[in-house]
Protein backbone atom coordinates (compact mmCIF):
# COMPACT_ATOMS: atom_id res chain seq x y z
CA MET A 1 0.37 -0.05 -0.11
CA THR A 2 1.39 3.77 -0.37
CA SER A 3 0.41 6.55 1.39
CA VAL A 4 1.55 9.76 1.97
CA MET A 5 2.79 11.27 5.59
CA TRP A 6 2.02 15.06 5.69
CA PHE A 7 4.15 16.80 7.46
CA ARG A 8 3.03 20.24 9.91
CA ARG A 9 3.81 20.36 13.40
CA ASP A 10 5.34 16.86 13.90
CA LEU A 11 8.97 17.61 12.15
CA ARG A 12 10.93 14.49 13.71
CA LEU A 13 11.61 10.79 13.96
CA HIS A 14 11.23 9.70 17.57
CA ASP A 15 7.71 9.39 18.88
CA ASN A 16 5.98 10.26 15.71
CA PRO A 17 2.90 7.68 15.23
CA ALA A 18 1.38 9.20 12.21
CA LEU A 19 5.14 8.31 10.73
CA ARG A 20 5.12 4.97 12.14
CA HIS A 21 1.58 4.05 10.48
CA ALA A 22 2.25 5.64 7.30
CA VAL A 23 5.66 3.35 7.00
CA ASP A 24 3.87 0.40 8.21
CA ASP A 25 1.61 0.92 5.07
CA GLY A 26 4.37 0.44 2.61
CA ALA A 27 5.94 3.08 0.45
CA VAL A 28 5.59 6.78 1.66
CA LEU A 29 5.56 9.84 0.09
CA PRO A 30 6.91 12.46 2.58
CA LEU A 31 5.08 15.79 2.01
CA PHE A 32 5.39 19.53 3.12
CA VAL A 33 2.82 21.94 2.39
CA VAL A 34 3.83 25.69 2.27
CA ASP A 35 0.36 27.00 3.02
CA PRO A 36 0.10 30.83 1.92
CA ALA A 37 -2.70 30.97 4.91
CA LEU A 38 0.03 29.95 7.90
CA TRP A 39 3.61 31.32 5.87
CA GLY A 40 2.34 35.09 5.52
CA PRO A 41 1.41 36.03 8.68
CA ALA A 42 3.84 33.51 10.35
CA GLY A 43 6.64 36.79 10.56
CA PRO A 44 10.50 36.39 9.96
CA SER A 45 11.28 34.46 13.16
CA ARG A 46 8.97 31.75 12.47
CA ARG A 47 9.62 31.58 8.30
CA ALA A 48 13.43 31.32 9.21
CA TYR A 49 12.87 28.84 12.11
CA LEU A 50 10.89 26.47 10.03
CA VAL A 51 12.70 26.25 6.69
CA ALA A 52 15.88 25.43 9.08
CA SER A 53 14.15 22.73 10.94
CA LEU A 54 13.02 21.28 7.69
CA ARG A 55 16.05 21.28 6.33
CA SER A 56 17.33 19.22 9.29
CA LEU A 57 14.53 16.79 8.99
CA ARG A 58 15.28 16.35 5.23
CA ASP A 59 18.70 14.55 6.64
CA ASP A 60 16.72 12.04 7.66
CA VAL A 61 13.80 11.93 5.72
CA PRO A 62 13.78 13.27 1.80
CA VAL A 63 10.84 15.70 2.68
CA GLN A 64 9.24 16.51 -0.77
CA VAL A 65 7.91 20.50 -0.65
CA ARG A 66 4.84 21.96 -2.59
CA HIS A 67 3.43 25.55 -2.41
CA GLY A 68 -0.06 26.10 -2.41
CA ASP A 69 -3.67 25.34 -0.62
CA PRO A 70 -3.75 22.08 0.74
CA ARG A 71 -7.15 21.22 -0.32
CA GLU A 72 -5.39 20.98 -3.28
CA VAL A 73 -1.96 20.20 -2.76
CA VAL A 74 -2.37 17.20 -1.03
CA VAL A 75 -4.87 15.49 -3.22
CA ALA A 76 -2.78 15.99 -6.09
CA ALA A 77 0.32 14.58 -4.24
CA ALA A 78 -1.38 11.69 -3.41
CA ARG A 79 -2.84 11.13 -7.09
CA ALA A 80 1.09 11.55 -8.32
CA VAL A 81 1.95 8.74 -6.16
CA GLY A 82 -1.01 6.33 -6.23
CA ALA A 83 -1.43 6.42 -2.54
CA THR A 84 -4.73 5.93 -0.84
CA ARG A 85 -4.19 7.17 2.66
CA VAL A 86 -2.86 10.24 4.15
CA HIS A 87 -1.39 10.13 6.96
CA VAL A 88 -1.31 13.19 9.88
CA ALA A 89 -0.64 14.09 13.21
CA ALA A 90 -4.44 15.82 13.82
CA ASP A 91 -4.47 19.69 14.06
CA TYR A 92 -7.03 21.05 16.94
CA GLY A 93 -6.25 24.61 16.01
CA PRO A 94 -9.25 27.00 14.39
CA TYR A 95 -7.68 27.47 11.34
CA GLY A 96 -5.84 23.87 11.05
CA ALA A 97 -9.57 21.63 12.22
CA ARG A 98 -10.88 23.78 9.46
CA ARG A 99 -8.17 22.98 6.57
CA ASP A 100 -8.20 19.33 7.75
CA GLU A 101 -12.03 18.95 7.25
CA GLU A 102 -11.88 20.31 3.98
CA VAL A 103 -8.92 18.29 2.84
CA GLU A 104 -10.74 15.13 4.16
CA LYS A 105 -13.63 16.17 2.44
CA ALA A 106 -11.32 16.42 -1.17
CA LEU A 107 -8.99 13.35 -0.37
CA ALA A 108 -12.51 11.33 -0.15
CA ASP A 109 -14.19 12.47 -3.46
CA ALA A 110 -10.73 10.91 -5.23
CA GLY A 111 -11.04 7.58 -3.30
CA ILE A 112 -8.35 8.99 -0.83
CA GLU A 113 -8.85 8.25 3.06
CA LEU A 114 -7.18 10.51 5.84
CA VAL A 115 -5.76 8.96 8.87
CA ARG A 116 -5.32 11.00 12.02
CA THR A 117 -2.55 9.63 14.54
CA GLY A 118 -1.86 11.49 17.61
CA SER A 119 -1.27 15.36 17.86
CA PRO A 120 0.87 17.74 19.26
CA TYR A 121 0.24 17.20 22.75
CA ALA A 122 0.22 14.30 25.10
CA VAL A 123 -3.55 14.31 26.15
CA ALA A 124 -5.54 15.71 22.79
CA PRO A 125 -7.79 18.70 22.98
CA GLY A 126 -11.20 17.67 24.18
CA ARG A 127 -10.33 14.43 26.04
CA VAL A 128 -10.19 15.52 29.71
CA ARG A 129 -13.61 16.50 30.89
CA THR A 130 -15.11 17.38 33.90
CA GLY A 131 -17.72 14.62 35.57
CA SER A 132 -20.61 16.02 34.03
CA GLY A 133 -18.85 15.72 30.57
CA GLY A 134 -18.15 19.29 30.13
CA PRO A 135 -14.82 21.14 29.47
CA TYR A 136 -12.77 22.53 32.52
CA GLN A 137 -12.73 26.31 33.01
CA VAL A 138 -9.92 26.43 35.35
CA PHE A 139 -6.22 25.25 35.43
CA THR A 140 -5.71 23.49 38.73
CA PRO A 141 -8.48 21.10 38.08
CA PHE A 142 -7.78 20.40 34.78
CA SER A 143 -4.09 19.81 35.25
CA ARG A 144 -5.02 17.07 37.93
CA ALA A 145 -7.82 15.31 35.64
CA TRP A 146 -4.90 15.74 32.79
CA ARG A 147 -2.60 13.73 35.01
CA GLU A 148 -5.10 11.05 35.78
CA HIS A 149 -6.28 10.83 32.61
CA GLY A 150 -2.65 9.98 31.49
CA TRP A 151 -0.68 9.08 28.38
CA ARG A 152 0.77 6.83 26.46
CA GLY A 153 4.76 6.31 26.54
CA PRO A 154 6.70 7.66 23.17
CA VAL A 155 6.98 5.09 20.43
CA ALA A 156 10.27 4.17 18.42
CA ALA A 157 11.35 5.84 15.20
CA PRO A 158 10.79 3.97 11.87
CA ASP A 159 13.74 1.27 11.51
CA ARG A 160 15.53 3.05 9.01
CA THR A 161 18.02 0.28 8.41
CA GLY A 162 15.07 -1.72 7.52
CA GLY A 163 14.70 0.62 4.25
CA VAL A 164 12.15 2.84 4.15
CA ASP A 165 10.64 2.70 0.72
CA TRP A 166 10.70 7.06 0.08
CA LEU A 167 9.13 8.38 -2.36
CA ALA A 168 9.37 11.35 -4.58
CA LEU A 169 7.44 13.81 -6.96
CA ASP A 170 8.42 14.36 -10.15
CA ASP A 171 7.34 18.25 -9.49
CA ALA A 172 8.28 18.90 -5.64
CA GLU A 173 9.57 22.97 -5.22
CA GLU A 174 12.39 24.01 -3.32
CA LEU A 175 11.71 25.35 0.46
CA PRO A 176 10.48 29.14 0.04
CA ASP A 177 13.14 31.82 0.80
CA ALA A 178 13.16 33.02 4.21
CA PRO A 179 15.68 36.09 5.04
CA LEU A 180 16.57 36.86 8.94
CA PRO A 181 16.12 40.56 9.56
CA ASP A 182 19.48 42.34 10.59
CA GLY A 183 19.96 41.72 14.22
CA LEU A 184 17.61 38.71 14.82
CA ALA A 185 19.90 35.31 15.59
CA LEU A 186 17.96 31.99 16.37
CA PRO A 187 18.81 28.65 18.12
CA PRO A 188 19.63 25.63 16.34
CA ALA A 189 16.89 23.89 14.84
CA GLY A 190 16.35 20.27 14.46
CA GLU A 191 15.22 16.96 16.06
CA ALA A 192 18.76 16.76 17.36
CA ALA A 193 19.18 20.19 18.61
CA ALA A 194 16.08 19.80 20.55
CA ARG A 195 17.12 16.32 21.91
CA ALA A 196 20.56 17.43 22.81
CA ARG A 197 18.56 21.01 24.68
CA TRP A 198 16.49 18.29 26.46
CA GLU A 199 19.02 16.38 27.77
CA GLU A 200 21.04 19.43 28.91
CA PHE A 201 18.32 20.40 30.60
CA LEU A 202 17.51 17.54 32.44
CA GLU A 203 21.07 17.69 34.15
CA ARG A 204 19.27 21.13 35.91
CA VAL A 205 15.87 20.35 35.93
CA ALA A 206 16.07 20.07 39.71
CA ASP A 207 16.43 23.93 40.02
CA TYR A 208 13.99 24.48 37.91
CA ASP A 209 11.44 25.36 40.70
CA GLU A 210 13.69 28.23 42.02
CA GLN A 211 15.25 29.85 38.72
CA ARG A 212 12.25 29.87 36.10
CA ASP A 213 11.76 33.30 36.95
CA ARG A 214 15.27 34.59 36.84
CA PRO A 215 15.69 36.24 33.29
CA GLY A 216 19.13 36.85 33.93
CA VAL A 217 20.37 32.88 34.14
CA ASP A 218 19.71 30.02 32.18
CA GLY A 219 17.30 28.64 34.49
CA THR A 220 14.06 27.49 31.36
CA SER A 221 13.96 24.79 29.09
CA ARG A 222 14.23 26.89 26.51
CA LEU A 223 11.85 23.82 24.44
CA SER A 224 9.25 26.30 23.43
CA HIS A 225 10.34 26.48 20.04
CA HIS A 226 11.46 22.92 19.60
CA LEU A 227 7.78 21.70 20.98
CA LYS A 228 6.41 24.12 18.43
CA TYR A 229 7.36 22.44 15.48
CA GLY A 230 7.36 18.83 16.93
CA GLU A 231 11.15 18.44 16.60
CA LEU A 232 10.30 17.12 20.57
CA HIS A 233 6.91 15.59 21.46
CA PRO A 234 5.53 16.67 24.81
CA ARG A 235 5.31 12.87 25.59
CA THR A 236 8.82 12.28 25.33
CA LEU A 237 9.44 15.06 28.31
CA LEU A 238 6.53 13.61 30.56
CA ALA A 239 8.50 9.62 29.98
CA ASP A 240 12.08 11.50 31.20
CA LEU A 241 10.34 13.62 34.03
CA GLU A 242 8.24 10.32 35.94
CA PRO A 243 11.61 8.91 37.21
CA LEU A 244 12.51 12.23 38.75
CA ILE A 245 8.74 12.98 39.71
CA GLN A 246 8.90 10.03 41.48
CA ARG A 247 11.83 10.59 43.37
CA GLY A 248 10.38 13.89 45.09
CA SER A 249 12.43 16.29 42.60
CA GLU A 250 10.15 19.75 42.81
CA GLY A 251 11.82 21.47 39.90
CA ALA A 252 10.33 18.08 37.11
CA GLN A 253 7.01 18.41 38.89
CA THR A 254 6.83 22.23 38.22
CA PHE A 255 7.89 21.68 34.66
CA ARG A 256 5.59 18.97 33.91
CA GLN A 257 2.78 21.64 35.41
CA GLU A 258 4.18 23.55 32.91
CA ILE A 259 3.49 21.29 30.40
CA ALA A 260 -0.05 21.22 31.54
CA TRP A 261 -0.72 24.81 31.23
CA ARG A 262 0.23 24.61 27.40
CA GLU A 263 -2.42 21.68 27.27
CA PHE A 264 -4.68 23.33 28.85
CA TYR A 265 -3.97 26.81 27.14
CA ALA A 266 -4.51 24.12 23.91
CA ASP A 267 -8.18 22.83 24.77
CA VAL A 268 -9.72 26.48 25.99
CA LEU A 269 -8.68 27.14 22.14
CA HIS A 270 -10.29 23.96 20.76
CA ARG A 271 -13.63 24.61 22.36
CA ARG A 272 -13.30 28.41 22.03
CA PRO A 273 -11.66 29.18 18.79
CA ASP A 274 -13.02 32.57 19.09
CA THR A 275 -10.51 33.24 21.86
CA ALA A 276 -7.96 33.57 19.07
CA ARG A 277 -8.79 37.02 18.51
CA ASP A 278 -11.83 38.21 21.22
CA TYR A 279 -11.97 38.24 24.75
CA TYR A 280 -12.33 35.02 27.01
CA LYS A 281 -14.45 36.87 29.35
CA ALA A 282 -16.35 39.42 26.76
CA GLU A 283 -17.15 42.33 29.52
CA PHE A 284 -13.65 43.18 29.06
CA ALA A 285 -14.44 44.24 25.38
CA HIS A 286 -16.70 47.06 26.77
CA MET A 287 -13.00 48.17 29.15
CA GLU A 288 -11.83 51.82 28.00
CA TYR A 289 -8.76 51.51 25.78
CA ASP A 290 -6.67 53.81 23.94
CA ASP A 291 -5.44 53.44 20.39
CA PRO A 292 -1.38 52.35 19.64
CA GLY A 293 0.45 55.57 19.33
CA PRO A 294 3.79 56.64 19.84
CA GLY A 295 3.57 54.58 23.90
CA PHE A 296 2.97 51.60 22.05
CA GLU A 297 6.01 52.32 19.01
CA ALA A 298 8.09 52.77 22.08
CA TRP A 299 7.20 49.20 23.82
CA CYS A 300 7.54 47.60 20.62
CA GLU A 301 11.40 48.94 20.16
CA GLY A 302 12.50 48.92 23.71
CA ARG A 303 12.94 52.40 24.76
CA THR A 304 9.39 52.85 26.98
CA GLY A 305 12.17 54.17 29.72
CA PHE A 306 11.39 51.12 32.01
CA PRO A 307 14.58 48.97 31.92
CA VAL A 308 12.55 45.29 32.34
CA VAL A 309 10.01 45.91 29.69
CA ASP A 310 13.08 47.74 27.31
CA ALA A 311 15.19 44.41 27.92
CA GLY A 312 12.73 42.23 27.23
CA MET A 313 11.21 44.02 24.05
CA ARG A 314 15.10 43.98 22.90
CA GLN A 315 15.51 40.29 23.17
CA LEU A 316 12.44 39.50 21.70
CA ARG A 317 13.57 41.03 18.38
CA ALA A 318 17.21 40.15 18.63
CA THR A 319 16.42 36.58 19.38
CA GLY A 320 12.47 35.37 18.72
CA TRP A 321 12.41 34.19 22.25
CA MET A 322 11.80 36.22 25.70
CA HIS A 323 11.98 35.38 28.99
CA ASN A 324 8.33 33.93 30.33
CA ARG A 325 8.55 36.28 33.58
CA VAL A 326 9.13 39.28 31.54
CA ARG A 327 6.51 38.41 28.76
CA MET A 328 3.97 39.23 31.96
CA ILE A 329 6.00 42.14 33.11
CA ALA A 330 6.01 43.35 29.28
CA ALA A 331 2.20 42.61 28.84
CA SER A 332 0.90 44.22 31.90
CA PHE A 333 3.06 47.24 31.05
CA LEU A 334 0.94 47.57 27.59
CA VAL A 335 -2.59 46.56 28.99
CA LYS A 336 -2.37 48.78 32.14
CA ASP A 337 0.24 51.26 31.91
CA LEU A 338 -0.51 52.47 28.26
CA HIS A 339 -3.97 51.12 28.12
CA VAL A 340 -3.67 49.36 24.59
CA GLU A 341 -5.80 46.21 24.27
CA TRP A 342 -4.01 43.21 24.55
CA GLN A 343 -4.45 41.65 20.84
CA HIS A 344 -2.18 44.25 19.51
CA GLY A 345 0.79 43.10 21.81
CA ALA A 346 -0.20 39.50 21.16
CA ARG A 347 0.15 40.20 17.46
CA HIS A 348 3.38 42.19 18.02
CA PHE A 349 4.75 38.78 20.07
CA MET A 350 3.30 36.20 17.45
CA ARG A 351 5.01 38.21 14.55
CA TRP A 352 8.56 37.89 16.47
CA LEU A 353 8.18 34.67 18.60
CA VAL A 354 9.84 31.91 17.10
CA ASP A 355 7.96 29.85 19.50
CA GLY A 356 4.61 31.63 18.86
CA ASP A 357 1.99 29.22 19.41
CA LEU A 358 -1.47 30.74 18.86
CA ALA A 359 -3.12 28.98 21.91
CA SER A 360 -0.28 29.46 24.66
CA ASN A 361 0.43 33.49 23.16
CA GLN A 362 -3.12 34.59 23.04
CA HIS A 363 -4.47 33.23 26.47
CA GLY A 364 -0.98 33.97 28.22
CA TRP A 365 -1.94 37.80 27.17
CA GLN A 366 -5.59 37.01 27.95
CA TRP A 367 -4.45 35.98 31.71
CA THR A 368 -2.16 39.12 32.32
CA ALA A 369 -4.97 41.15 31.06
CA GLY A 370 -7.48 40.22 33.65
CA CYS A 371 -9.72 38.72 30.74
CA GLY A 372 -8.93 35.01 30.37
CA THR A 373 -9.14 31.56 31.96
CA ASP A 374 -7.45 31.75 35.64
CA ALA A 375 -7.06 35.53 34.86
CA ALA A 376 -4.54 37.17 37.26
CA PRO A 377 -7.05 40.02 38.28
CA TYR A 378 -7.47 43.10 36.61
CA PHE A 379 -6.27 44.94 39.34
CA ARG A 380 -3.18 43.34 39.77
CA VAL A 381 -0.85 45.28 38.15
CA PHE A 382 2.71 44.68 37.60
CA ASN A 383 5.43 47.26 38.55
CA PRO A 384 7.84 46.89 36.08
CA THR A 385 10.76 48.30 38.61
CA ALA A 386 9.73 46.39 41.48
CA GLN A 387 9.54 43.04 39.13
CA GLY A 388 12.59 43.67 37.50
CA THR A 389 14.44 44.29 41.13
CA ARG A 390 13.02 41.33 42.73
CA PHE A 391 13.40 38.73 39.82
CA ASP A 392 17.11 40.20 38.15
CA PRO A 393 18.38 41.54 41.42
CA ALA A 394 21.86 41.66 39.98
CA GLY A 395 20.68 43.09 36.76
CA GLU A 396 22.41 40.61 34.52
CA TYR A 397 19.00 40.88 32.26
CA VAL A 398 18.94 44.42 32.06
CA ARG A 399 22.60 45.08 31.57
CA ARG A 400 22.62 42.21 29.04
CA TRP A 401 20.15 43.99 26.76
CA VAL A 402 19.96 47.48 27.65
CA PRO A 403 23.69 48.28 27.30
CA GLU A 404 23.11 52.19 27.92
CA LEU A 405 22.42 50.99 31.37
CA ALA A 406 25.41 48.81 31.95
CA ALA A 407 27.35 51.28 34.15
CA ALA A 408 24.45 52.01 36.23
CA ARG A 409 24.86 51.57 39.91
CA LYS A 410 20.89 50.12 40.24
CA PRO A 411 20.31 49.06 36.78
CA HIS A 412 16.25 48.81 37.51
CA GLU A 413 16.20 52.33 39.16
CA PRO A 414 18.61 54.08 36.73
CA THR A 415 19.14 57.93 38.11
CA ALA A 416 18.52 60.93 35.42
CA ALA A 417 22.20 61.50 35.19
CA GLU A 418 22.76 57.52 34.56
CA ARG A 419 19.98 58.06 31.71
CA ARG A 420 21.83 60.89 30.37
CA ALA A 421 25.20 59.55 30.45
CA GLY A 422 24.01 56.21 28.43
CA GLY A 423 21.53 57.98 26.33
CA TYR A 424 18.52 56.20 27.83
CA PRO A 425 15.13 57.51 27.78
CA ALA A 426 13.19 58.76 30.69
CA PRO A 427 10.30 56.60 31.91
CA ILE A 428 7.26 57.45 29.09
CA VAL A 429 4.80 57.06 32.00
CA ASP A 430 4.37 57.92 35.59
CA HIS A 431 3.65 53.75 36.59
CA ALA A 432 1.85 54.93 39.86
CA ALA A 433 -0.30 57.44 37.96
CA GLU A 434 -1.46 54.96 35.09
CA ARG A 435 -2.26 51.54 37.55
CA THR A 436 -4.79 54.23 39.22
CA GLU A 437 -5.88 55.17 36.14
CA ALA A 438 -6.33 51.35 34.89
CA LEU A 439 -7.95 50.76 38.31
CA ASP A 440 -10.25 53.52 37.63
CA ARG A 441 -11.30 52.10 34.55
CA TYR A 442 -11.71 49.26 35.77
CA HIS A 443 -14.27 50.27 38.15
CA ARG A 444 -16.40 52.16 35.46
CA LEU A 445 -16.92 48.87 33.88
CA ARG A 446 -17.76 47.08 36.63
CA GLU A 447 -20.69 50.31 37.61
CA GLN A 448 -21.53 50.02 33.85
CA ARG A 449 -22.15 45.84 34.08
CA ALA A 450 -23.87 46.10 37.55
CA GLY A 451 -26.25 49.36 36.45
């Protein structure tokens, strides 16, 4: 039997059940479709990383590339090799799920079956349910039910020594050009890089609970982009964490909770696809917001005059990544100091983040903005100076990304003279005044809703 393996967010050999099923069928056409609906909005970071990841995958699998609408391209590719099945890992995102339904219909019309096996998650969205059969609205009970549901163990990679019969297309196309903007450097891509990073992090996962909120140290896994493109599957991580958790490692337990957060947000977006753009709590759409203006531009460019905010925004533009604690600080500043709606910030993040995952990004923003699931109360307004001093006490992070303050005695609280000496701007807003303004707007919203 001949089949197609349509790669999407699963650019790996190990623990790839859809690939194993395709290989078990017989001869396989390994296919990647450059979909304009996804390629266009991706932004330079994700485009360049995706191309690098596909090049890495080609070291093991002769992936054939075609450009165009998957509803047409996948059917044509399957017909070209006489395939009777197309294997995929299920996509639960708003666009991906709709696309796959349409591709499935087009394939069925051609007498070809679409076979979904696995997903980018340890537990597929929609599987974890309350006792009454409904979805969870809050993370903590979800995470308990998610652990109780469990997940199967990883599967081995196809046996390449057995000689997989890879097929090729006569009219396969080249990977698209994906130039990097000046000043942007991305991490190594591919399954080997992902596994190397994971093995290195496992050596220090015991410290994760204490180090993860400190942006000035290498305290996090930096696996988010590898998970985004499926170069590594969360089942692999969970299998390796289990022995450490059984031995009482708090760091390993905390890291497992972060995996659960990722799966919770995927579950939320699956059942509420509207929240990719709209408010999870609809009443917050009636809050008073300001249009993006010069302050928003200063925020995007890392020149707000608040050192930890600017450090994060510059790290984003230089590396395609930002430390999670700093993401929350930067998001709070935009929404509650500049009073700009969260969608503007989320869109900027999605443009530049290598790990730009729609569910995690949009719902992380809504959490900080006070309008999402388990949201931080709106009246919780991050003080960027206090947050920076607390989580970057020695100022390593700020000095790294805001070199204008390298000589400042207290880089989170530079004096006016230190700002002038380094050419660093004064704060664009008075945080205390804007905090009061944000709370006033929140109280007016509550009064309107009550009236």
